[in-house]
Amino acid sequence: MQIAIIEAIGSIGDDAAVDFFLPALKTCFATKASCEGKGARNAEKMSKWIIESLGAIAQQGGSRSLQALLELVGHMDPEIQAQALSELSVAYWHRPNEIQDFTLERIYQLTTHQNPIVAESALAALQNLADVGCVRAESYFASEEE
């Protein structure tokens, strides 16, 4: 039921949902860190659904959700970083050339992250953006080929 509610909030696209999602995420992170077994797994699943919903809201133009994803890209947990990178690229599917320079630069930086999960996710995010027509992401791959 909780997942359905989180998904519905993301589908609605109201950026005010950040006020609900960020505290819920902090609770999930704390639960994951302090619990083992089923409690930790449930907290991990919940955090993934929340991040996905933030991505859905950001895709609909939610600036606060975009900011939250940018913050999550710097999270200590590589899996959280990787998912936030993926959702960040999805946020620009309908407007790939509107991605801010700072956001694109942050993704570029993370392609060399020491954790392969994060580096691969950053590279996949750039590829995703290039595939939907982001000229600056395309140029990254053109310069890599040279």
N, C-alpha and C. Protein backbone atom coordinates (compact mmCIF):
# COMPACT_ATOMS: atom_id res chain seq x y z
N MET A 1 0.82 -1.18 0.00
CA MET A 1 0.00 0.00 0.00
C MET A 1 0.88 1.26 0.00
N GLN A 2 1.95 1.24 0.79
CA GLN A 2 2.82 2.40 0.87
C GLN A 2 3.45 2.69 -0.49
N ILE A 3 3.86 1.66 -1.18
CA ILE A 3 4.49 1.83 -2.48
C ILE A 3 3.49 2.42 -3.47
N ALA A 4 2.27 1.97 -3.43
CA ALA A 4 1.24 2.50 -4.32
C ALA A 4 1.01 3.99 -4.06
N ILE A 5 1.03 4.38 -2.80
CA ILE A 5 0.84 5.78 -2.45
C ILE A 5 2.02 6.61 -2.95
N ILE A 6 3.23 6.12 -2.72
CA ILE A 6 4.43 6.84 -3.18
C ILE A 6 4.42 6.98 -4.69
N GLU A 7 4.08 5.92 -5.39
CA GLU A 7 4.03 5.96 -6.85
C GLU A 7 2.96 6.93 -7.33
N ALA A 8 1.81 6.95 -6.67
CA ALA A 8 0.73 7.86 -7.06
C ALA A 8 1.15 9.32 -6.86
N ILE A 9 1.84 9.59 -5.76
CA ILE A 9 2.31 10.95 -5.50
C ILE A 9 3.26 11.38 -6.61
N GLY A 10 4.15 10.48 -7.02
CA GLY A 10 5.07 10.80 -8.11
C GLY A 10 4.36 11.04 -9.42
N SER A 11 3.32 10.25 -9.67
CA SER A 11 2.56 10.39 -10.92
C SER A 11 1.80 11.71 -10.97
N ILE A 12 1.32 12.16 -9.83
CA ILE A 12 0.60 13.43 -9.78
C ILE A 12 1.52 14.57 -10.19
N GLY A 13 2.78 14.49 -9.74
CA GLY A 13 3.77 15.46 -10.19
C GLY A 13 3.84 16.74 -9.39
N ASP A 14 3.24 16.78 -8.21
CA ASP A 14 3.27 17.99 -7.40
C ASP A 14 4.61 18.08 -6.67
N ASP A 15 5.36 19.12 -6.96
CA ASP A 15 6.69 19.30 -6.40
C ASP A 15 6.65 19.47 -4.88
N ALA A 16 5.52 19.80 -4.33
CA ALA A 16 5.38 19.93 -2.88
C ALA A 16 5.56 18.58 -2.18
N ALA A 17 5.49 17.50 -2.93
CA ALA A 17 5.69 16.17 -2.36
C ALA A 17 7.09 16.02 -1.75
N VAL A 18 8.01 16.87 -2.17
CA VAL A 18 9.36 16.85 -1.61
C VAL A 18 9.30 17.03 -0.10
N ASP A 19 8.35 17.84 0.37
CA ASP A 19 8.21 18.06 1.81
C ASP A 19 7.85 16.77 2.55
N PHE A 20 7.21 15.86 1.88
CA PHE A 20 6.87 14.56 2.45
C PHE A 20 8.00 13.56 2.21
N PHE A 21 8.54 13.58 0.99
CA PHE A 21 9.52 12.56 0.61
C PHE A 21 10.86 12.67 1.33
N LEU A 22 11.38 13.88 1.50
CA LEU A 22 12.71 14.01 2.10
C LEU A 22 12.76 13.50 3.55
N PRO A 23 11.81 13.87 4.40
CA PRO A 23 11.82 13.28 5.74
C PRO A 23 11.62 11.76 5.72
N ALA A 24 10.77 11.29 4.81
CA ALA A 24 10.55 9.84 4.70
C ALA A 24 11.84 9.13 4.27
N LEU A 25 12.59 9.76 3.36
CA LEU A 25 13.87 9.19 2.93
C LEU A 25 14.85 9.12 4.09
N LYS A 26 14.92 10.17 4.87
CA LYS A 26 15.83 10.18 6.02
C LYS A 26 15.47 9.06 6.99
N THR A 27 14.18 8.83 7.18
CA THR A 27 13.74 7.73 8.04
C THR A 27 14.14 6.39 7.45
N CYS A 28 14.00 6.25 6.14
CA CYS A 28 14.41 5.01 5.47
C CYS A 28 15.91 4.78 5.64
N PHE A 29 16.70 5.82 5.44
CA PHE A 29 18.16 5.69 5.57
C PHE A 29 18.54 5.29 7.00
N ALA A 30 17.88 5.92 7.97
CA ALA A 30 18.17 5.60 9.38
C ALA A 30 17.75 4.17 9.70
N THR A 31 16.60 3.76 9.20
CA THR A 31 16.11 2.41 9.44
C THR A 31 17.04 1.39 8.80
N LYS A 32 17.45 1.66 7.57
CA LYS A 32 18.36 0.75 6.87
C LYS A 32 19.68 0.61 7.63
N ALA A 33 20.17 1.71 8.18
CA ALA A 33 21.45 1.69 8.88
C ALA A 33 21.35 0.99 10.24
N SER A 34 20.18 1.07 10.87
CA SER A 34 20.07 0.54 12.22
C SER A 34 19.42 -0.85 12.30
N CYS A 35 18.83 -1.30 11.22
CA CYS A 35 18.13 -2.59 11.23
C CYS A 35 18.87 -3.61 10.39
N GLU A 36 18.48 -4.83 10.61
CA GLU A 36 18.97 -5.93 9.78
C GLU A 36 17.77 -6.69 9.24
N GLY A 37 18.02 -7.50 8.26
CA GLY A 37 16.97 -8.38 7.76
C GLY A 37 15.86 -7.66 7.04
N LYS A 38 14.64 -8.07 7.37
CA LYS A 38 13.46 -7.59 6.66
C LYS A 38 13.26 -6.08 6.81
N GLY A 39 13.53 -5.54 7.99
CA GLY A 39 13.37 -4.10 8.21
C GLY A 39 14.28 -3.28 7.32
N ALA A 40 15.52 -3.72 7.18
CA ALA A 40 16.48 -3.02 6.33
C ALA A 40 16.08 -3.15 4.85
N ARG A 41 15.63 -4.33 4.46
CA ARG A 41 15.21 -4.54 3.07
C ARG A 41 13.99 -3.69 2.73
N ASN A 42 13.04 -3.60 3.66
CA ASN A 42 11.86 -2.77 3.42
C ASN A 42 12.23 -1.30 3.31
N ALA A 43 13.14 -0.85 4.15
CA ALA A 43 13.59 0.54 4.09
C ALA A 43 14.29 0.82 2.78
N GLU A 44 15.08 -0.14 2.31
CA GLU A 44 15.78 0.03 1.03
C GLU A 44 14.79 0.11 -0.13
N LYS A 45 13.79 -0.77 -0.12
CA LYS A 45 12.77 -0.74 -1.18
C LYS A 45 12.01 0.58 -1.16
N MET A 46 11.67 1.03 0.04
CA MET A 46 10.92 2.28 0.16
C MET A 46 11.74 3.45 -0.36
N SER A 47 13.02 3.49 -0.03
CA SER A 47 13.86 4.60 -0.49
C SER A 47 13.97 4.58 -2.01
N LYS A 48 14.05 3.40 -2.61
CA LYS A 48 14.12 3.32 -4.08
C LYS A 48 12.84 3.85 -4.72
N TRP A 49 11.69 3.53 -4.15
CA TRP A 49 10.42 4.01 -4.70
C TRP A 49 10.30 5.53 -4.54
N ILE A 50 10.79 6.04 -3.42
CA ILE A 50 10.74 7.48 -3.20
C ILE A 50 11.62 8.20 -4.22
N ILE A 51 12.82 7.69 -4.44
CA ILE A 51 13.73 8.31 -5.41
C ILE A 51 13.14 8.24 -6.82
N GLU A 52 12.51 7.13 -7.13
CA GLU A 52 11.86 7.00 -8.44
C GLU A 52 10.73 8.02 -8.58
N SER A 53 9.97 8.22 -7.52
CA SER A 53 8.89 9.21 -7.56
C SER A 53 9.43 10.63 -7.67
N LEU A 54 10.56 10.89 -7.00
CA LEU A 54 11.20 12.21 -7.18
C LEU A 54 11.58 12.41 -8.64
N GLY A 55 12.06 11.35 -9.29
CA GLY A 55 12.39 11.43 -10.70
C GLY A 55 11.17 11.72 -11.56
N ALA A 56 10.05 11.08 -11.23
CA ALA A 56 8.81 11.32 -11.99
C ALA A 56 8.35 12.77 -11.84
N ILE A 57 8.48 13.29 -10.64
CA ILE A 57 8.08 14.68 -10.41
C ILE A 57 9.04 15.64 -11.13
N ALA A 58 10.33 15.34 -11.06
CA ALA A 58 11.32 16.17 -11.74
C ALA A 58 11.09 16.16 -13.25
N GLN A 59 10.68 15.02 -13.78
CA GLN A 59 10.41 14.91 -15.21
C GLN A 59 9.27 15.83 -15.62
N GLN A 60 8.38 16.11 -14.68
CA GLN A 60 7.25 16.98 -14.96
C GLN A 60 7.56 18.44 -14.62
N GLY A 61 8.84 18.73 -14.37
CA GLY A 61 9.27 20.10 -14.16
C GLY A 61 9.48 20.50 -12.71
N GLY A 62 9.43 19.56 -11.80
CA GLY A 62 9.59 19.87 -10.38
C GLY A 62 11.01 20.27 -10.02
N SER A 63 11.22 21.54 -9.78
CA SER A 63 12.58 22.03 -9.50
C SER A 63 13.09 21.57 -8.14
N ARG A 64 12.22 21.47 -7.15
CA ARG A 64 12.64 21.00 -5.84
C ARG A 64 13.01 19.52 -5.89
N SER A 65 12.29 18.77 -6.70
CA SER A 65 12.61 17.35 -6.86
C SER A 65 13.96 17.19 -7.56
N LEU A 66 14.21 18.03 -8.55
CA LEU A 66 15.52 18.02 -9.21
C LEU A 66 16.63 18.31 -8.21
N GLN A 67 16.41 19.30 -7.37
CA GLN A 67 17.41 19.64 -6.36
C GLN A 67 17.63 18.48 -5.39
N ALA A 68 16.56 17.81 -5.01
CA ALA A 68 16.68 16.66 -4.11
C ALA A 68 17.49 15.55 -4.77
N LEU A 69 17.25 15.31 -6.05
CA LEU A 69 18.03 14.29 -6.77
C LEU A 69 19.49 14.66 -6.85
N LEU A 70 19.76 15.93 -7.09
CA LEU A 70 21.16 16.40 -7.11
C LEU A 70 21.84 16.17 -5.77
N GLU A 71 21.11 16.41 -4.71
CA GLU A 71 21.68 16.15 -3.38
C GLU A 71 21.93 14.65 -3.18
N LEU A 72 21.02 13.82 -3.64
CA LEU A 72 21.16 12.37 -3.48
C LEU A 72 22.31 11.81 -4.31
N VAL A 73 22.67 12.50 -5.39
CA VAL A 73 23.82 12.09 -6.20
C VAL A 73 25.10 12.15 -5.36
N GLY A 74 25.09 12.95 -4.31
CA GLY A 74 26.23 13.06 -3.42
C GLY A 74 26.11 12.22 -2.15
N HIS A 75 25.12 11.36 -2.10
CA HIS A 75 24.89 10.53 -0.91
C HIS A 75 26.06 9.58 -0.67
N MET A 76 26.23 9.14 0.55
CA MET A 76 27.33 8.22 0.90
C MET A 76 27.11 6.81 0.35
N ASP A 77 25.87 6.41 0.19
CA ASP A 77 25.54 5.06 -0.28
C ASP A 77 25.61 5.03 -1.80
N PRO A 78 26.52 4.24 -2.38
CA PRO A 78 26.66 4.19 -3.84
C PRO A 78 25.39 3.78 -4.57
N GLU A 79 24.59 2.93 -3.97
CA GLU A 79 23.34 2.51 -4.62
C GLU A 79 22.36 3.67 -4.71
N ILE A 80 22.32 4.49 -3.67
CA ILE A 80 21.46 5.68 -3.69
C ILE A 80 21.97 6.65 -4.76
N GLN A 81 23.29 6.85 -4.80
CA GLN A 81 23.88 7.72 -5.81
C GLN A 81 23.53 7.23 -7.21
N ALA A 82 23.67 5.94 -7.43
CA ALA A 82 23.42 5.36 -8.76
C ALA A 82 21.97 5.56 -9.18
N GLN A 83 21.05 5.31 -8.26
CA GLN A 83 19.64 5.48 -8.61
C GLN A 83 19.31 6.95 -8.85
N ALA A 84 19.88 7.83 -8.03
CA ALA A 84 19.63 9.26 -8.22
C ALA A 84 20.16 9.73 -9.57
N LEU A 85 21.30 9.21 -9.99
CA LEU A 85 21.84 9.55 -11.32
C LEU A 85 20.90 9.11 -12.41
N SER A 86 20.39 7.91 -12.29
CA SER A 86 19.46 7.40 -13.28
C SER A 86 18.20 8.27 -13.36
N GLU A 87 17.65 8.58 -12.21
CA GLU A 87 16.43 9.41 -12.17
C GLU A 87 16.70 10.83 -12.65
N LEU A 88 17.88 11.32 -12.39
CA LEU A 88 18.25 12.66 -12.85
C LEU A 88 18.25 12.71 -14.37
N SER A 89 18.74 11.68 -15.02
CA SER A 89 18.73 11.68 -16.48
C SER A 89 17.31 11.53 -17.02
N VAL A 90 16.50 10.73 -16.35
CA VAL A 90 15.11 10.55 -16.76
C VAL A 90 14.34 11.87 -16.66
N ALA A 91 14.72 12.69 -15.70
CA ALA A 91 14.03 13.96 -15.50
C ALA A 91 14.10 14.86 -16.73
N TYR A 92 15.08 14.63 -17.57
CA TYR A 92 15.28 15.49 -18.75
C TYR A 92 14.89 14.81 -20.07
N TRP A 93 14.20 13.71 -20.03
CA TRP A 93 13.82 13.01 -21.25
C TRP A 93 13.05 13.89 -22.22
N HIS A 94 12.15 14.70 -21.69
CA HIS A 94 11.29 15.52 -22.56
C HIS A 94 11.90 16.88 -22.89
N ARG A 95 13.04 17.15 -22.31
CA ARG A 95 13.70 18.45 -22.52
C ARG A 95 15.21 18.29 -22.33
N PRO A 96 15.82 17.42 -23.11
CA PRO A 96 17.22 17.05 -22.86
C PRO A 96 18.22 18.20 -22.93
N ASN A 97 17.93 19.20 -23.69
CA ASN A 97 18.89 20.31 -23.82
C ASN A 97 18.65 21.42 -22.80
N GLU A 98 17.71 21.20 -21.89
CA GLU A 98 17.47 22.16 -20.82
C GLU A 98 18.23 21.81 -19.54
N ILE A 99 18.98 20.73 -19.59
CA ILE A 99 19.73 20.34 -18.39
C ILE A 99 20.75 21.41 -18.06
N GLN A 100 20.82 21.78 -16.81
CA GLN A 100 21.73 22.84 -16.39
C GLN A 100 23.18 22.37 -16.48
N ASP A 101 24.05 23.32 -16.77
CA ASP A 101 25.48 23.00 -16.87
C ASP A 101 26.00 22.35 -15.60
N PHE A 102 25.58 22.87 -14.45
CA PHE A 102 26.04 22.32 -13.18
C PHE A 102 25.66 20.85 -13.05
N THR A 103 24.43 20.52 -13.43
CA THR A 103 23.94 19.14 -13.33
C THR A 103 24.73 18.23 -14.26
N LEU A 104 24.91 18.66 -15.48
CA LEU A 104 25.66 17.86 -16.44
C LEU A 104 27.11 17.69 -16.00
N GLU A 105 27.69 18.74 -15.48
CA GLU A 105 29.07 18.68 -15.00
C GLU A 105 29.19 17.69 -13.84
N ARG A 106 28.20 17.68 -12.97
CA ARG A 106 28.21 16.74 -11.84
C ARG A 106 28.16 15.31 -12.34
N ILE A 107 27.34 15.07 -13.35
CA ILE A 107 27.26 13.72 -13.92
C ILE A 107 28.61 13.36 -14.56
N TYR A 108 29.20 14.28 -15.32
CA TYR A 108 30.53 14.05 -15.91
C TYR A 108 31.54 13.65 -14.84
N GLN A 109 31.56 14.40 -13.75
CA GLN A 109 32.52 14.13 -12.67
C GLN A 109 32.37 12.72 -12.12
N LEU A 110 31.14 12.28 -12.00
CA LEU A 110 30.89 10.97 -11.40
C LEU A 110 31.21 9.79 -12.33
N THR A 111 31.50 10.07 -13.60
CA THR A 111 31.92 8.97 -14.49
C THR A 111 33.27 8.41 -14.09
N THR A 112 34.02 9.15 -13.27
CA THR A 112 35.32 8.67 -12.80
C THR A 112 35.29 8.34 -11.31
N HIS A 113 34.13 8.15 -10.76
CA HIS A 113 33.99 7.82 -9.33
C HIS A 113 34.70 6.51 -9.03
N GLN A 114 35.24 6.41 -7.84
CA GLN A 114 35.99 5.22 -7.46
C GLN A 114 35.11 3.97 -7.35
N ASN A 115 33.82 4.16 -7.08
CA ASN A 115 32.92 3.01 -7.01
C ASN A 115 32.36 2.74 -8.41
N PRO A 116 32.56 1.53 -8.92
CA PRO A 116 32.11 1.23 -10.28
C PRO A 116 30.59 1.37 -10.48
N ILE A 117 29.81 1.13 -9.45
CA ILE A 117 28.36 1.27 -9.57
C ILE A 117 28.00 2.72 -9.90
N VAL A 118 28.64 3.64 -9.21
CA VAL A 118 28.37 5.06 -9.42
C VAL A 118 28.90 5.50 -10.78
N ALA A 119 30.13 5.12 -11.10
CA ALA A 119 30.74 5.51 -12.38
C ALA A 119 29.92 4.98 -13.56
N GLU A 120 29.50 3.73 -13.48
CA GLU A 120 28.70 3.14 -14.56
C GLU A 120 27.34 3.81 -14.67
N SER A 121 26.75 4.15 -13.55
CA SER A 121 25.45 4.83 -13.58
C SER A 121 25.57 6.22 -14.18
N ALA A 122 26.66 6.91 -13.86
CA ALA A 122 26.88 8.24 -14.44
C ALA A 122 27.06 8.13 -15.95
N LEU A 123 27.82 7.15 -16.38
CA LEU A 123 28.01 6.94 -17.81
C LEU A 123 26.69 6.57 -18.50
N ALA A 124 25.91 5.73 -17.86
CA ALA A 124 24.60 5.36 -18.40
C ALA A 124 23.66 6.58 -18.45
N ALA A 125 23.74 7.44 -17.44
CA ALA A 125 22.91 8.65 -17.43
C ALA A 125 23.28 9.55 -18.60
N LEU A 126 24.58 9.70 -18.85
CA LEU A 126 25.02 10.50 -20.00
C LEU A 126 24.55 9.88 -21.31
N GLN A 127 24.67 8.56 -21.41
CA GLN A 127 24.24 7.87 -22.63
C GLN A 127 22.74 8.05 -22.83
N ASN A 128 22.00 7.94 -21.73
CA ASN A 128 20.55 8.13 -21.77
C ASN A 128 20.22 9.53 -22.29
N LEU A 129 20.91 10.53 -21.77
CA LEU A 129 20.68 11.90 -22.22
C LEU A 129 21.07 12.08 -23.68
N ALA A 130 22.18 11.49 -24.08
CA ALA A 130 22.60 11.58 -25.48
C ALA A 130 21.56 10.91 -26.38
N ASP A 131 21.03 9.79 -25.95
CA ASP A 131 20.04 9.05 -26.75
C ASP A 131 18.76 9.84 -26.98
N VAL A 132 18.41 10.72 -26.03
CA VAL A 132 17.19 11.51 -26.20
C VAL A 132 17.48 12.89 -26.80
N GLY A 133 18.73 13.11 -27.20
CA GLY A 133 19.05 14.32 -27.96
C GLY A 133 19.79 15.42 -27.22
N CYS A 134 20.35 15.14 -26.08
CA CYS A 134 21.12 16.16 -25.37
C CYS A 134 22.45 16.35 -26.10
N VAL A 135 22.59 17.49 -26.72
CA VAL A 135 23.76 17.78 -27.55
C VAL A 135 25.05 17.74 -26.74
N ARG A 136 25.01 18.28 -25.52
CA ARG A 136 26.23 18.30 -24.70
C ARG A 136 26.62 16.91 -24.23
N ALA A 137 25.65 16.05 -23.97
CA ALA A 137 25.97 14.67 -23.60
C ALA A 137 26.53 13.92 -24.82
N GLU A 138 25.96 14.19 -25.99
CA GLU A 138 26.49 13.59 -27.22
C GLU A 138 27.93 13.99 -27.44
N SER A 139 28.25 15.24 -27.16
CA SER A 139 29.62 15.71 -27.37
C SER A 139 30.59 15.03 -26.42
N TYR A 140 30.12 14.64 -25.25
CA TYR A 140 30.98 13.90 -24.32
C TYR A 140 31.45 12.60 -24.97
N PHE A 141 30.52 11.90 -25.60
CA PHE A 141 30.89 10.63 -26.24
C PHE A 141 31.71 10.85 -27.49
N ALA A 142 31.48 11.95 -28.19
CA ALA A 142 32.29 12.26 -29.38
C ALA A 142 33.72 12.54 -28.97
N SER A 143 33.91 13.25 -27.85
CA SER A 143 35.28 13.55 -27.39
C SER A 143 35.97 12.32 -26.83
N GLU A 144 35.21 11.38 -26.29
CA GLU A 144 35.78 10.13 -25.77
C GLU A 144 36.29 9.24 -26.90
N GLU A 145 35.64 9.32 -28.07
CA GLU A 145 36.03 8.48 -29.20
C GLU A 145 37.32 8.98 -29.85
N GLU A 146 37.62 10.25 -29.70
CA GLU A 146 38.78 10.84 -30.38
C GLU A 146 40.07 10.46 -29.70
